[in-house]
């Protein structure tokens, strides 16, 4: 590849990185060392650039995934369902928060309720600190899995918080699994997780245009 073509490729990649939403690498918890994870793996990432803001609030885009490959709270072959998840990414979670995508379709889930937390009756607890909580409207293939199966459920949520409250907060996540009768199975997930801001991706997006500039200068020299 000659220098001119190299510069063009670098420029195109750098523009894509700058324009595309930048999500943090995020943090994952799970496995046998996590007391309430039931062997599953939970990952949280977010875009540190607010998608909306007011004088006192900011709304961020969060991605919360649940991988049930290692689920161990029931025997292999058991049919279970992920009934609800909840997220508290800042010291205060405010209305409005919105479900942007969810397993199956958004219509299969309630739009996030700002509730106290998630309990064995899903998003019904209105006491304590507020979580953004969403639950399935039914039990079906969209939220079902067979224990021993590798399957990932992904939720994309726009969550509104008070300005400045997300920077140094240790996020809290919850999840509830049930059987076909709607009875809770295993522990109710209740864990803390980090959602660190991206560094290498942003650095790459900022430095690649500089590389392209150097390449263009070499062409002209």
C-alpha atoms as a PDB file:
ATOM      1  CA  UNK A   1       0.000   0.000   0.000  1.00  0.00           C
ATOM      2  CA  UNK A   2       1.482   3.379  -0.969  1.00  0.00           C
ATOM      3  CA  UNK A   3       1.597   6.325   1.421  1.00  0.00           C
ATOM      4  CA  UNK A   4      -1.403   8.067  -0.160  1.00  0.00           C
ATOM      5  CA  UNK A   5      -3.621   4.988   0.215  1.00  0.00           C
ATOM      6  CA  UNK A   6      -2.331   4.437   3.745  1.00  0.00           C
ATOM      7  CA  UNK A   7      -3.277   7.991   4.696  1.00  0.00           C
ATOM      8  CA  UNK A   8      -6.757   7.547   3.227  1.00  0.00           C
ATOM      9  CA  UNK A   9      -7.339   4.352   5.210  1.00  0.00           C
ATOM     10  CA  UNK A  10      -6.092   5.905   8.455  1.00  0.00           C
ATOM     11  CA  UNK A  11      -8.302   8.947   7.940  1.00  0.00           C
ATOM     12  CA  UNK A  12     -11.392   6.807   7.291  1.00  0.00           C
ATOM     13  CA  UNK A  13     -10.799   4.689  10.392  1.00  0.00           C
ATOM     14  CA  UNK A  14     -10.193   7.740  12.571  1.00  0.00           C
ATOM     15  CA  UNK A  15     -13.374   9.443  11.359  1.00  0.00           C
ATOM     16  CA  UNK A  16     -15.362   6.291  12.143  1.00  0.00           C
ATOM     17  CA  UNK A  17     -13.923   6.161  15.642  1.00  0.00           C
ATOM     18  CA  UNK A  18     -14.703   9.805  16.316  1.00  0.00           C
ATOM     19  CA  UNK A  19     -18.259   9.646  14.937  1.00  0.00           C
ATOM     20  CA  UNK A  20     -19.289   6.274  16.419  1.00  0.00           C
ATOM     21  CA  UNK A  21     -20.535   6.151  20.019  1.00  0.00           C
ATOM     22  CA  UNK A  22     -17.672   5.210  22.327  1.00  0.00           C
ATOM     23  CA  UNK A  23     -18.568   2.689  25.004  1.00  0.00           C
ATOM     24  CA  UNK A  24     -16.327   1.897  27.917  1.00  0.00           C
ATOM     25  CA  UNK A  25     -14.718  -1.523  28.034  1.00  0.00           C
ATOM     26  CA  UNK A  26     -16.735  -1.940  31.182  1.00  0.00           C
ATOM     27  CA  UNK A  27     -16.502  -4.357  34.065  1.00  0.00           C
ATOM     28  CA  UNK A  28     -17.700  -7.954  34.403  1.00  0.00           C
ATOM     29  CA  UNK A  29     -18.533  -9.958  37.488  1.00  0.00           C
ATOM     30  CA  UNK A  30     -19.602 -13.544  37.860  1.00  0.00           C
ATOM     31  CA  UNK A  31     -18.494 -17.095  38.348  1.00  0.00           C
ATOM     32  CA  UNK A  32     -18.051 -18.998  41.578  1.00  0.00           C
ATOM     33  CA  UNK A  33     -16.385 -16.069  43.379  1.00  0.00           C
ATOM     34  CA  UNK A  34     -19.498 -13.869  43.136  1.00  0.00           C
ATOM     35  CA  UNK A  35     -21.833 -14.544  46.034  1.00  0.00           C
ATOM     36  CA  UNK A  36     -25.158 -13.758  44.310  1.00  0.00           C
ATOM     37  CA  UNK A  37     -24.267 -14.249  40.615  1.00  0.00           C
ATOM     38  CA  UNK A  38     -25.540 -17.850  40.453  1.00  0.00           C
ATOM     39  CA  UNK A  39     -22.537 -18.642  38.250  1.00  0.00           C
ATOM     40  CA  UNK A  40     -23.724 -16.268  35.497  1.00  0.00           C
ATOM     41  CA  UNK A  41     -21.645 -13.325  34.220  1.00  0.00           C
ATOM     42  CA  UNK A  42     -22.863  -9.727  34.288  1.00  0.00           C
ATOM     43  CA  UNK A  43     -21.233  -6.901  32.320  1.00  0.00           C
ATOM     44  CA  UNK A  44     -21.878  -3.156  32.418  1.00  0.00           C
ATOM     45  CA  UNK A  45     -20.645  -0.582  29.905  1.00  0.00           C
ATOM     46  CA  UNK A  46     -21.682   2.985  29.161  1.00  0.00           C
ATOM     47  CA  UNK A  47     -21.002   5.946  26.921  1.00  0.00           C
ATOM     48  CA  UNK A  48     -19.537   8.751  29.074  1.00  0.00           C
ATOM     49  CA  UNK A  49     -20.873  11.389  26.676  1.00  0.00           C
ATOM     50  CA  UNK A  50     -24.432  12.291  27.776  1.00  0.00           C
ATOM     51  CA  UNK A  51     -27.118  11.701  25.161  1.00  0.00           C
ATOM     52  CA  UNK A  52     -29.234  14.440  26.783  1.00  0.00           C
ATOM     53  CA  UNK A  53     -28.825  17.010  29.530  1.00  0.00           C
ATOM     54  CA  UNK A  54     -30.532  19.840  31.378  1.00  0.00           C
ATOM     55  CA  UNK A  55     -29.221  22.381  33.866  1.00  0.00           C
ATOM     56  CA  UNK A  56     -29.373  19.762  36.629  1.00  0.00           C
ATOM     57  CA  UNK A  57     -29.538  16.333  34.946  1.00  0.00           C
ATOM     58  CA  UNK A  58     -27.662  14.140  32.483  1.00  0.00           C
ATOM     59  CA  UNK A  59     -28.859  11.069  30.577  1.00  0.00           C
ATOM     60  CA  UNK A  60     -26.366   8.321  29.728  1.00  0.00           C
ATOM     61  CA  UNK A  61     -26.553   5.253  27.490  1.00  0.00           C
ATOM     62  CA  UNK A  62     -25.860   2.012  29.424  1.00  0.00           C
ATOM     63  CA  UNK A  63     -25.475  -1.533  28.129  1.00  0.00           C
ATOM     64  CA  UNK A  64     -26.108  -4.295  30.658  1.00  0.00           C
ATOM     65  CA  UNK A  65     -25.534  -7.913  29.605  1.00  0.00           C
ATOM     66  CA  UNK A  66     -26.293 -11.189  31.361  1.00  0.00           C
ATOM     67  CA  UNK A  67     -24.478 -14.332  30.160  1.00  0.00           C
ATOM     68  CA  UNK A  68     -26.037 -17.457  31.681  1.00  0.00           C
ATOM     69  CA  UNK A  69     -23.454 -19.952  30.379  1.00  0.00           C
ATOM     70  CA  UNK A  70     -22.280 -20.824  33.897  1.00  0.00           C
ATOM     71  CA  UNK A  71     -25.627 -20.616  35.706  1.00  0.00           C
ATOM     72  CA  UNK A  72     -25.485 -23.060  38.612  1.00  0.00           C
ATOM     73  CA  UNK A  73     -28.563 -22.435  40.780  1.00  0.00           C
ATOM     74  CA  UNK A  74     -30.531 -25.237  39.112  1.00  0.00           C
ATOM     75  CA  UNK A  75     -29.750 -28.574  37.461  1.00  0.00           C
ATOM     76  CA  UNK A  76     -28.610 -28.712  33.841  1.00  0.00           C
ATOM     77  CA  UNK A  77     -31.560 -28.981  31.492  1.00  0.00           C
ATOM     78  CA  UNK A  78     -33.891 -26.923  33.717  1.00  0.00           C
ATOM     79  CA  UNK A  79     -35.938 -24.303  31.882  1.00  0.00           C
ATOM     80  CA  UNK A  80     -35.589 -20.881  33.510  1.00  0.00           C
ATOM     81  CA  UNK A  81     -36.263 -17.237  32.682  1.00  0.00           C
ATOM     82  CA  UNK A  82     -34.595 -13.887  33.314  1.00  0.00           C
ATOM     83  CA  UNK A  83     -37.604 -12.008  34.667  1.00  0.00           C
ATOM     84  CA  UNK A  84     -36.138  -8.633  35.643  1.00  0.00           C
ATOM     85  CA  UNK A  85     -32.992  -6.519  35.879  1.00  0.00           C
ATOM     86  CA  UNK A  86     -32.264  -3.290  37.720  1.00  0.00           C
ATOM     87  CA  UNK A  87     -29.457  -0.753  37.535  1.00  0.00           C
ATOM     88  CA  UNK A  88     -28.341   2.070  39.812  1.00  0.00           C
ATOM     89  CA  UNK A  89     -25.388   3.783  38.094  1.00  0.00           C
ATOM     90  CA  UNK A  90     -25.313   6.952  40.203  1.00  0.00           C
ATOM     91  CA  UNK A  91     -26.159   8.199  43.662  1.00  0.00           C
ATOM     92  CA  UNK A  92     -29.522   9.378  42.314  1.00  0.00           C
ATOM     93  CA  UNK A  93     -31.569   7.862  39.466  1.00  0.00           C
ATOM     94  CA  UNK A  94     -34.291  10.113  38.074  1.00  0.00           C
ATOM     95  CA  UNK A  95     -37.226  10.084  35.695  1.00  0.00           C
ATOM     96  CA  UNK A  96     -37.227   9.803  32.784  1.00  0.00           C
ATOM     97  CA  UNK A  97     -35.227   6.668  32.017  1.00  0.00           C
ATOM     98  CA  UNK A  98     -35.893   4.740  28.822  1.00  0.00           C
ATOM     99  CA  UNK A  99     -35.415   1.207  27.538  1.00  0.00           C
ATOM    100  CA  UNK A 100     -33.650   1.509  24.162  1.00  0.00           C
ATOM    101  CA  UNK A 101     -33.412  -2.209  23.379  1.00  0.00           C
ATOM    102  CA  UNK A 102     -34.062  -5.463  25.211  1.00  0.00           C
ATOM    103  CA  UNK A 103     -34.113  -9.225  24.612  1.00  0.00           C
ATOM    104  CA  UNK A 104     -36.742 -10.065  22.006  1.00  0.00           C
ATOM    105  CA  UNK A 105     -38.135  -6.556  21.686  1.00  0.00           C
ATOM    106  CA  UNK A 106     -38.771  -3.533  23.866  1.00  0.00           C
ATOM    107  CA  UNK A 107     -42.481  -4.398  23.901  1.00  0.00           C
ATOM    108  CA  UNK A 108     -41.693  -7.559  25.883  1.00  0.00           C
ATOM    109  CA  UNK A 109     -40.484  -5.454  28.827  1.00  0.00           C
ATOM    110  CA  UNK A 110     -41.807  -2.641  30.962  1.00  0.00           C
ATOM    111  CA  UNK A 111     -40.182   0.722  30.353  1.00  0.00           C
ATOM    112  CA  UNK A 112     -37.806   1.265  33.278  1.00  0.00           C
ATOM    113  CA  UNK A 113     -39.647   2.040  36.476  1.00  0.00           C
ATOM    114  CA  UNK A 114     -37.834   4.222  38.984  1.00  0.00           C
ATOM    115  CA  UNK A 115     -38.331   1.972  41.997  1.00  0.00           C
ATOM    116  CA  UNK A 116     -36.660   1.391  45.342  1.00  0.00           C
ATOM    117  CA  UNK A 117     -34.982  -1.769  44.077  1.00  0.00           C
ATOM    118  CA  UNK A 118     -35.676  -5.186  42.606  1.00  0.00           C
ATOM    119  CA  UNK A 119     -37.020  -7.891  44.921  1.00  0.00           C
ATOM    120  CA  UNK A 120     -38.465 -11.395  44.587  1.00  0.00           C
ATOM    121  CA  UNK A 121     -41.583  -9.820  43.060  1.00  0.00           C
ATOM    122  CA  UNK A 122     -39.500  -8.061  40.384  1.00  0.00           C
ATOM    123  CA  UNK A 123     -39.870  -4.262  40.126  1.00  0.00           C
ATOM    124  CA  UNK A 124     -42.370  -3.913  42.954  1.00  0.00           C
ATOM    125  CA  UNK A 125     -40.201  -2.479  45.735  1.00  0.00           C
ATOM    126  CA  UNK A 126     -40.693   1.285  46.096  1.00  0.00           C
ATOM    127  CA  UNK A 127     -38.597   1.736  49.236  1.00  0.00           C
ATOM    128  CA  UNK A 128     -35.000   2.833  49.585  1.00  0.00           C
ATOM    129  CA  UNK A 129     -32.670   4.268  46.947  1.00  0.00           C
ATOM    130  CA  UNK A 130     -34.008   4.383  43.405  1.00  0.00           C
ATOM    131  CA  UNK A 131     -33.026   1.891  40.675  1.00  0.00           C
ATOM    132  CA  UNK A 132     -34.015   1.850  37.006  1.00  0.00           C
ATOM    133  CA  UNK A 133     -35.871  -1.470  36.938  1.00  0.00           C
ATOM    134  CA  UNK A 134     -37.411  -3.328  33.983  1.00  0.00           C
ATOM    135  CA  UNK A 135     -39.269  -6.637  33.987  1.00  0.00           C
ATOM    136  CA  UNK A 136     -40.623  -9.014  31.386  1.00  0.00           C
ATOM    137  CA  UNK A 137     -44.318  -8.761  30.601  1.00  0.00           C
ATOM    138  CA  UNK A 138     -44.429 -12.562  30.207  1.00  0.00           C
ATOM    139  CA  UNK A 139     -42.203 -15.627  30.171  1.00  0.00           C
ATOM    140  CA  UNK A 140     -41.163 -16.836  26.735  1.00  0.00           C
ATOM    141  CA  UNK A 141     -38.322 -17.682  24.386  1.00  0.00           C
ATOM    142  CA  UNK A 142     -37.103 -14.063  24.445  1.00  0.00           C
ATOM    143  CA  UNK A 143     -36.112 -14.294  28.124  1.00  0.00           C
ATOM    144  CA  UNK A 144     -35.896 -18.053  28.572  1.00  0.00           C
ATOM    145  CA  UNK A 145     -32.870 -20.342  28.700  1.00  0.00           C
ATOM    146  CA  UNK A 146     -31.961 -23.904  29.538  1.00  0.00           C
ATOM    147  CA  UNK A 147     -29.447 -24.302  32.352  1.00  0.00           C
ATOM    148  CA  UNK A 148     -26.182 -25.421  30.783  1.00  0.00           C
ATOM    149  CA  UNK A 149     -26.881 -23.368  27.660  1.00  0.00           C
ATOM    150  CA  UNK A 150     -24.696 -20.456  26.570  1.00  0.00           C
ATOM    151  CA  UNK A 151     -26.975 -17.457  26.032  1.00  0.00           C
ATOM    152  CA  UNK A 152     -26.561 -13.716  26.513  1.00  0.00           C
ATOM    153  CA  UNK A 153     -29.311 -11.220  27.280  1.00  0.00           C
ATOM    154  CA  UNK A 154     -28.525  -7.588  26.393  1.00  0.00           C
ATOM    155  CA  UNK A 155     -30.320  -4.481  27.640  1.00  0.00           C
ATOM    156  CA  UNK A 156     -29.652  -0.934  26.425  1.00  0.00           C
ATOM    157  CA  UNK A 157     -30.980   1.747  28.770  1.00  0.00           C
ATOM    158  CA  UNK A 158     -30.941   5.539  28.742  1.00  0.00           C
ATOM    159  CA  UNK A 159     -30.757   6.469  32.421  1.00  0.00           C
ATOM    160  CA  UNK A 160     -31.135   9.976  33.809  1.00  0.00           C
ATOM    161  CA  UNK A 161     -29.105  11.040  36.851  1.00  0.00           C
ATOM    162  CA  UNK A 162     -28.325  14.246  38.693  1.00  0.00           C
ATOM    163  CA  UNK A 163     -25.425  16.096  37.071  1.00  0.00           C
ATOM    164  CA  UNK A 164     -22.047  15.021  38.409  1.00  0.00           C
ATOM    165  CA  UNK A 165     -23.308  12.029  40.400  1.00  0.00           C
ATOM    166  CA  UNK A 166     -22.007   9.331  38.062  1.00  0.00           C
ATOM    167  CA  UNK A 167     -18.295  10.176  38.112  1.00  0.00           C
ATOM    168  CA  UNK A 168     -17.134   8.325  41.214  1.00  0.00           C
ATOM    169  CA  UNK A 169     -20.096   6.048  41.945  1.00  0.00           C
ATOM    170  CA  UNK A 170     -19.789   2.285  42.345  1.00  0.00           C
ATOM    171  CA  UNK A 171     -22.754   1.116  40.257  1.00  0.00           C
ATOM    172  CA  UNK A 172     -25.210  -1.445  41.618  1.00  0.00           C
ATOM    173  CA  UNK A 173     -26.844  -4.137  39.491  1.00  0.00           C
ATOM    174  CA  UNK A 174     -29.623  -6.623  40.185  1.00  0.00           C
ATOM    175  CA  UNK A 175     -31.258  -9.506  38.328  1.00  0.00           C
ATOM    176  CA  UNK A 176     -33.951 -12.072  39.080  1.00  0.00           C
ATOM    177  CA  UNK A 177     -34.349 -15.549  37.610  1.00  0.00           C
ATOM    178  CA  UNK A 178     -37.596 -17.532  37.841  1.00  0.00           C
ATOM    179  CA  UNK A 179     -38.989 -20.896  36.782  1.00  0.00           C
ATOM    180  CA  UNK A 180     -42.041 -21.468  34.587  1.00  0.00           C
ATOM    181  CA  UNK A 181     -44.301 -20.854  37.592  1.00  0.00           C
ATOM    182  CA  UNK A 182     -42.757 -17.429  38.203  1.00  0.00           C
ATOM    183  CA  UNK A 183     -41.008 -18.575  41.386  1.00  0.00           C
ATOM    184  CA  UNK A 184     -37.582 -17.082  42.069  1.00  0.00           C
ATOM    185  CA  UNK A 185     -34.683 -19.486  41.477  1.00  0.00           C
ATOM    186  CA  UNK A 186     -31.284 -19.002  43.079  1.00  0.00           C
ATOM    187  CA  UNK A 187     -30.071 -15.794  44.660  1.00  0.00           C
ATOM    188  CA  UNK A 188     -31.454 -12.400  43.766  1.00  0.00           C
ATOM    189  CA  UNK A 189     -28.395 -10.764  42.175  1.00  0.00           C
ATOM    190  CA  UNK A 190     -27.278  -7.790  44.248  1.00  0.00           C
ATOM    191  CA  UNK A 191     -23.757  -6.684  43.420  1.00  0.00           C
ATOM    192  CA  UNK A 192     -21.593  -3.627  42.864  1.00  0.00           C
ATOM    193  CA  UNK A 193     -19.840  -3.170  39.533  1.00  0.00           C
ATOM    194  CA  UNK A 194     -17.684  -0.481  37.921  1.00  0.00           C
ATOM    195  CA  UNK A 195     -18.469   1.109  34.570  1.00  0.00           C
ATOM    196  CA  UNK A 196     -15.137   2.841  33.820  1.00  0.00           C
ATOM    197  CA  UNK A 197     -14.847   5.535  31.211  1.00  0.00           C
ATOM    198  CA  UNK A 198     -12.957   4.555  28.041  1.00  0.00           C
ATOM    199  CA  UNK A 199      -9.328   5.548  27.637  1.00  0.00           C
ATOM    200  CA  UNK A 200      -7.570   3.605  24.884  1.00  0.00           C
ATOM    201  CA  UNK A 201     -10.475   3.900  22.423  1.00  0.00           C
ATOM    202  CA  UNK A 202     -10.696   7.648  22.930  1.00  0.00           C
ATOM    203  CA  UNK A 203      -6.927   7.977  22.687  1.00  0.00           C
ATOM    204  CA  UNK A 204      -6.957   6.020  19.438  1.00  0.00           C
ATOM    205  CA  UNK A 205      -9.728   8.185  18.042  1.00  0.00           C
ATOM    206  CA  UNK A 206      -7.797  11.344  18.916  1.00  0.00           C
ATOM    207  CA  UNK A 207      -4.376  10.216  17.705  1.00  0.00           C
ATOM    208  CA  UNK A 208      -5.240   8.551  14.404  1.00  0.00           C
ATOM    209  CA  UNK A 209      -6.117  11.873  12.727  1.00  0.00           C
ATOM    210  CA  UNK A 210      -2.659  13.026  13.771  1.00  0.00           C
ATOM    211  CA  UNK A 211      -1.128   9.967  12.114  1.00  0.00           C
ATOM    212  CA  UNK A 212      -3.080  10.725   8.969  1.00  0.00           C
ATOM    213  CA  UNK A 213      -1.832  14.313   9.074  1.00  0.00           C
ATOM    214  CA  UNK A 214       1.765  13.125   9.285  1.00  0.00           C
ATOM    215  CA  UNK A 215       1.167  10.774   6.371  1.00  0.00           C
ATOM    216  CA  UNK A 216      -0.287  13.595   4.263  1.00  0.00           C
ATOM    217  CA  UNK A 217       2.719  15.758   5.058  1.00  0.00           C
ATOM    218  CA  UNK A 218       5.014  12.968   3.904  1.00  0.00           C
ATOM    219  CA  UNK A 219       3.097  12.806   0.636  1.00  0.00           C
ATOM    220  CA  UNK A 220       3.577  16.512   0.055  1.00  0.00           C
ATOM    221  CA  UNK A 221       7.268  16.552   0.946  1.00  0.00           C
END
